């Protein structure tokens, strides 16, 4: 097959590239739709934002939380032990909390991260003693 020459060759080349990019986006969209990733990613809770009344009521209604104020959550000991076991098994912290009903959308990614770090440090300290 001959390559086009002249002033239209460049246009044809870029048209082909644009067509291929469009096809690639369509294929990616189909793949995403097939595996069920059509929902938009949920936003994390902003740091430092106090919990309002409905959020506190929901949090206090969960079995994994003993108490909840505007700024502080007191976790149930059994949940802490469960989370420690799951972390040792290789589960992601976000998945553990989300499975318990308190994802980063509700309590924030940083709070999850700090809880896990605190619990891991406690385990390490107990092992050293």
C-alpha atoms as a PDB file:
ATOM      1  CA  UNK A   1       0.000   0.000   0.000  1.00  0.00           C
ATOM      2  CA  UNK A   2       1.324   3.404  -0.963  1.00  0.00           C
ATOM      3  CA  UNK A   3       1.741   6.159   1.567  1.00  0.00           C
ATOM      4  CA  UNK A   4      -0.163   9.316   0.664  1.00  0.00           C
ATOM      5  CA  UNK A   5       2.037  12.227  -0.342  1.00  0.00           C
ATOM      6  CA  UNK A   6       1.415  15.894  -0.512  1.00  0.00           C
ATOM      7  CA  UNK A   7      -0.422  18.366   1.735  1.00  0.00           C
ATOM      8  CA  UNK A   8      -3.197  15.898   2.620  1.00  0.00           C
ATOM      9  CA  UNK A   9      -0.820  13.198   3.894  1.00  0.00           C
ATOM     10  CA  UNK A  10      -0.299  14.970   7.205  1.00  0.00           C
ATOM     11  CA  UNK A  11      -4.062  15.464   7.681  1.00  0.00           C
ATOM     12  CA  UNK A  12      -4.757  11.805   6.948  1.00  0.00           C
ATOM     13  CA  UNK A  13      -2.094  10.748   9.440  1.00  0.00           C
ATOM     14  CA  UNK A  14      -3.535  12.886  12.247  1.00  0.00           C
ATOM     15  CA  UNK A  15      -7.072  11.781  11.398  1.00  0.00           C
ATOM     16  CA  UNK A  16      -5.945   8.169  11.764  1.00  0.00           C
ATOM     17  CA  UNK A  17      -4.290   8.908  15.119  1.00  0.00           C
ATOM     18  CA  UNK A  18      -7.434  10.692  16.362  1.00  0.00           C
ATOM     19  CA  UNK A  19      -9.564   7.736  15.242  1.00  0.00           C
ATOM     20  CA  UNK A  20      -7.333   5.258  17.075  1.00  0.00           C
ATOM     21  CA  UNK A  21      -7.405   7.350  20.268  1.00  0.00           C
ATOM     22  CA  UNK A  22     -11.199   7.525  20.104  1.00  0.00           C
ATOM     23  CA  UNK A  23     -11.427   3.745  19.629  1.00  0.00           C
ATOM     24  CA  UNK A  24      -9.078   3.234  22.567  1.00  0.00           C
ATOM     25  CA  UNK A  25     -11.272   5.416  24.810  1.00  0.00           C
ATOM     26  CA  UNK A  26     -14.378   3.513  23.707  1.00  0.00           C
ATOM     27  CA  UNK A  27     -12.743   0.170  24.432  1.00  0.00           C
ATOM     28  CA  UNK A  28     -11.604   1.419  27.851  1.00  0.00           C
ATOM     29  CA  UNK A  29     -15.139   2.659  28.613  1.00  0.00           C
ATOM     30  CA  UNK A  30     -16.591  -0.728  27.619  1.00  0.00           C
ATOM     31  CA  UNK A  31     -14.069  -2.522  29.828  1.00  0.00           C
ATOM     32  CA  UNK A  32     -14.872  -0.261  32.753  1.00  0.00           C
ATOM     33  CA  UNK A  33     -18.590  -0.822  32.252  1.00  0.00           C
ATOM     34  CA  UNK A  34     -18.151  -4.589  32.032  1.00  0.00           C
ATOM     35  CA  UNK A  35     -16.357  -4.866  35.370  1.00  0.00           C
ATOM     36  CA  UNK A  36     -18.841  -2.565  37.080  1.00  0.00           C
ATOM     37  CA  UNK A  37     -16.698   0.482  37.691  1.00  0.00           C
ATOM     38  CA  UNK A  38     -19.200   2.989  36.396  1.00  0.00           C
ATOM     39  CA  UNK A  39     -19.831   4.720  39.717  1.00  0.00           C
ATOM     40  CA  UNK A  40     -17.764   7.833  40.429  1.00  0.00           C
ATOM     41  CA  UNK A  41     -15.114   7.604  43.123  1.00  0.00           C
ATOM     42  CA  UNK A  42     -16.445   8.788  46.464  1.00  0.00           C
ATOM     43  CA  UNK A  43     -14.712  11.768  48.020  1.00  0.00           C
ATOM     44  CA  UNK A  44     -12.934  11.381  51.340  1.00  0.00           C
ATOM     45  CA  UNK A  45     -14.103  13.365  54.324  1.00  0.00           C
ATOM     46  CA  UNK A  46     -12.162  16.627  54.788  1.00  0.00           C
ATOM     47  CA  UNK A  47      -9.713  16.547  57.697  1.00  0.00           C
ATOM     48  CA  UNK A  48     -10.746  18.359  60.843  1.00  0.00           C
ATOM     49  CA  UNK A  49     -14.419  18.563  59.925  1.00  0.00           C
ATOM     50  CA  UNK A  50     -16.525  17.779  63.025  1.00  0.00           C
ATOM     51  CA  UNK A  51     -19.184  15.093  62.813  1.00  0.00           C
ATOM     52  CA  UNK A  52     -22.700  16.514  62.624  1.00  0.00           C
ATOM     53  CA  UNK A  53     -25.666  15.080  64.529  1.00  0.00           C
ATOM     54  CA  UNK A  54     -26.888  12.517  61.914  1.00  0.00           C
ATOM     55  CA  UNK A  55     -23.337  11.226  61.413  1.00  0.00           C
ATOM     56  CA  UNK A  56     -22.835  10.858  65.182  1.00  0.00           C
ATOM     57  CA  UNK A  57     -26.145   8.995  65.508  1.00  0.00           C
ATOM     58  CA  UNK A  58     -25.157   6.627  62.713  1.00  0.00           C
ATOM     59  CA  UNK A  59     -21.683   6.056  64.148  1.00  0.00           C
ATOM     60  CA  UNK A  60     -23.018   5.444  67.663  1.00  0.00           C
ATOM     61  CA  UNK A  61     -25.534   2.937  66.282  1.00  0.00           C
ATOM     62  CA  UNK A  62     -22.724   0.711  64.970  1.00  0.00           C
ATOM     63  CA  UNK A  63     -21.497  -2.179  67.116  1.00  0.00           C
ATOM     64  CA  UNK A  64     -17.852  -1.391  66.342  1.00  0.00           C
ATOM     65  CA  UNK A  65     -18.001   2.033  68.022  1.00  0.00           C
ATOM     66  CA  UNK A  66     -18.403   2.508  71.773  1.00  0.00           C
ATOM     67  CA  UNK A  67     -18.733   6.312  71.758  1.00  0.00           C
ATOM     68  CA  UNK A  68     -18.592   9.193  69.315  1.00  0.00           C
ATOM     69  CA  UNK A  69     -18.241  12.947  69.817  1.00  0.00           C
ATOM     70  CA  UNK A  70     -17.839  15.758  67.314  1.00  0.00           C
ATOM     71  CA  UNK A  71     -14.108  15.077  66.976  1.00  0.00           C
ATOM     72  CA  UNK A  72     -13.412  11.674  68.531  1.00  0.00           C
ATOM     73  CA  UNK A  73     -14.398   8.047  67.986  1.00  0.00           C
ATOM     74  CA  UNK A  74     -13.911   5.362  70.643  1.00  0.00           C
ATOM     75  CA  UNK A  75     -13.542   1.986  68.959  1.00  0.00           C
ATOM     76  CA  UNK A  76     -14.823  -1.268  70.416  1.00  0.00           C
ATOM     77  CA  UNK A  77     -12.048  -3.615  71.653  1.00  0.00           C
ATOM     78  CA  UNK A  78     -13.410  -6.552  69.653  1.00  0.00           C
ATOM     79  CA  UNK A  79     -13.271  -4.501  66.447  1.00  0.00           C
ATOM     80  CA  UNK A  80      -9.685  -3.478  67.195  1.00  0.00           C
ATOM     81  CA  UNK A  81      -8.723  -7.137  67.672  1.00  0.00           C
ATOM     82  CA  UNK A  82     -10.593  -8.110  64.492  1.00  0.00           C
ATOM     83  CA  UNK A  83      -8.869  -5.333  62.526  1.00  0.00           C
ATOM     84  CA  UNK A  84      -5.449  -6.392  63.841  1.00  0.00           C
ATOM     85  CA  UNK A  85      -6.047  -9.983  62.698  1.00  0.00           C
ATOM     86  CA  UNK A  86      -7.251  -8.848  59.284  1.00  0.00           C
ATOM     87  CA  UNK A  87      -4.233  -6.565  58.879  1.00  0.00           C
ATOM     88  CA  UNK A  88      -1.894  -9.446  59.713  1.00  0.00           C
ATOM     89  CA  UNK A  89      -3.725 -11.531  57.102  1.00  0.00           C
ATOM     90  CA  UNK A  90      -2.938  -8.853  54.507  1.00  0.00           C
ATOM     91  CA  UNK A  91      -6.213  -6.950  54.179  1.00  0.00           C
ATOM     92  CA  UNK A  92      -6.157  -3.256  53.366  1.00  0.00           C
ATOM     93  CA  UNK A  93      -7.178  -0.943  56.242  1.00  0.00           C
ATOM     94  CA  UNK A  94      -9.724   0.874  54.074  1.00  0.00           C
ATOM     95  CA  UNK A  95     -11.402  -2.429  53.156  1.00  0.00           C
ATOM     96  CA  UNK A  96     -11.636  -3.466  56.814  1.00  0.00           C
ATOM     97  CA  UNK A  97     -13.263  -0.189  57.847  1.00  0.00           C
ATOM     98  CA  UNK A  98     -15.509  -0.066  54.779  1.00  0.00           C
ATOM     99  CA  UNK A  99     -16.703  -3.601  55.493  1.00  0.00           C
ATOM    100  CA  UNK A 100     -17.599  -2.487  59.015  1.00  0.00           C
ATOM    101  CA  UNK A 101     -19.682   0.412  57.679  1.00  0.00           C
ATOM    102  CA  UNK A 102     -17.275   3.307  58.221  1.00  0.00           C
ATOM    103  CA  UNK A 103     -15.415   4.037  54.993  1.00  0.00           C
ATOM    104  CA  UNK A 104     -13.186   7.036  54.284  1.00  0.00           C
ATOM    105  CA  UNK A 105     -16.222   8.844  52.879  1.00  0.00           C
ATOM    106  CA  UNK A 106     -17.640   8.984  56.400  1.00  0.00           C
ATOM    107  CA  UNK A 107     -14.659   9.208  58.761  1.00  0.00           C
ATOM    108  CA  UNK A 108     -11.801  10.169  56.437  1.00  0.00           C
ATOM    109  CA  UNK A 109      -8.776   8.335  55.102  1.00  0.00           C
ATOM    110  CA  UNK A 110      -6.376   9.958  57.548  1.00  0.00           C
ATOM    111  CA  UNK A 111      -8.358   8.801  60.589  1.00  0.00           C
ATOM    112  CA  UNK A 112      -8.246   5.224  59.294  1.00  0.00           C
ATOM    113  CA  UNK A 113      -4.534   5.511  58.610  1.00  0.00           C
ATOM    114  CA  UNK A 114      -3.783   6.890  62.094  1.00  0.00           C
ATOM    115  CA  UNK A 115      -5.943   4.263  63.864  1.00  0.00           C
ATOM    116  CA  UNK A 116      -4.124   1.458  62.114  1.00  0.00           C
ATOM    117  CA  UNK A 117      -0.718   3.008  62.828  1.00  0.00           C
ATOM    118  CA  UNK A 118      -1.609   3.426  66.506  1.00  0.00           C
ATOM    119  CA  UNK A 119      -2.868  -0.165  66.786  1.00  0.00           C
ATOM    120  CA  UNK A 120       0.236  -1.549  65.036  1.00  0.00           C
ATOM    121  CA  UNK A 121       2.509   0.463  67.355  1.00  0.00           C
ATOM    122  CA  UNK A 122       0.613  -0.907  70.364  1.00  0.00           C
ATOM    123  CA  UNK A 123       1.107  -4.482  69.134  1.00  0.00           C
ATOM    124  CA  UNK A 124       4.808  -3.877  68.539  1.00  0.00           C
ATOM    125  CA  UNK A 125       5.207  -2.378  72.002  1.00  0.00           C
ATOM    126  CA  UNK A 126       3.430  -5.361  73.617  1.00  0.00           C
ATOM    127  CA  UNK A 127       5.660  -7.798  71.722  1.00  0.00           C
ATOM    128  CA  UNK A 128       8.812  -6.053  72.993  1.00  0.00           C
ATOM    129  CA  UNK A 129       7.739  -6.296  76.626  1.00  0.00           C
END
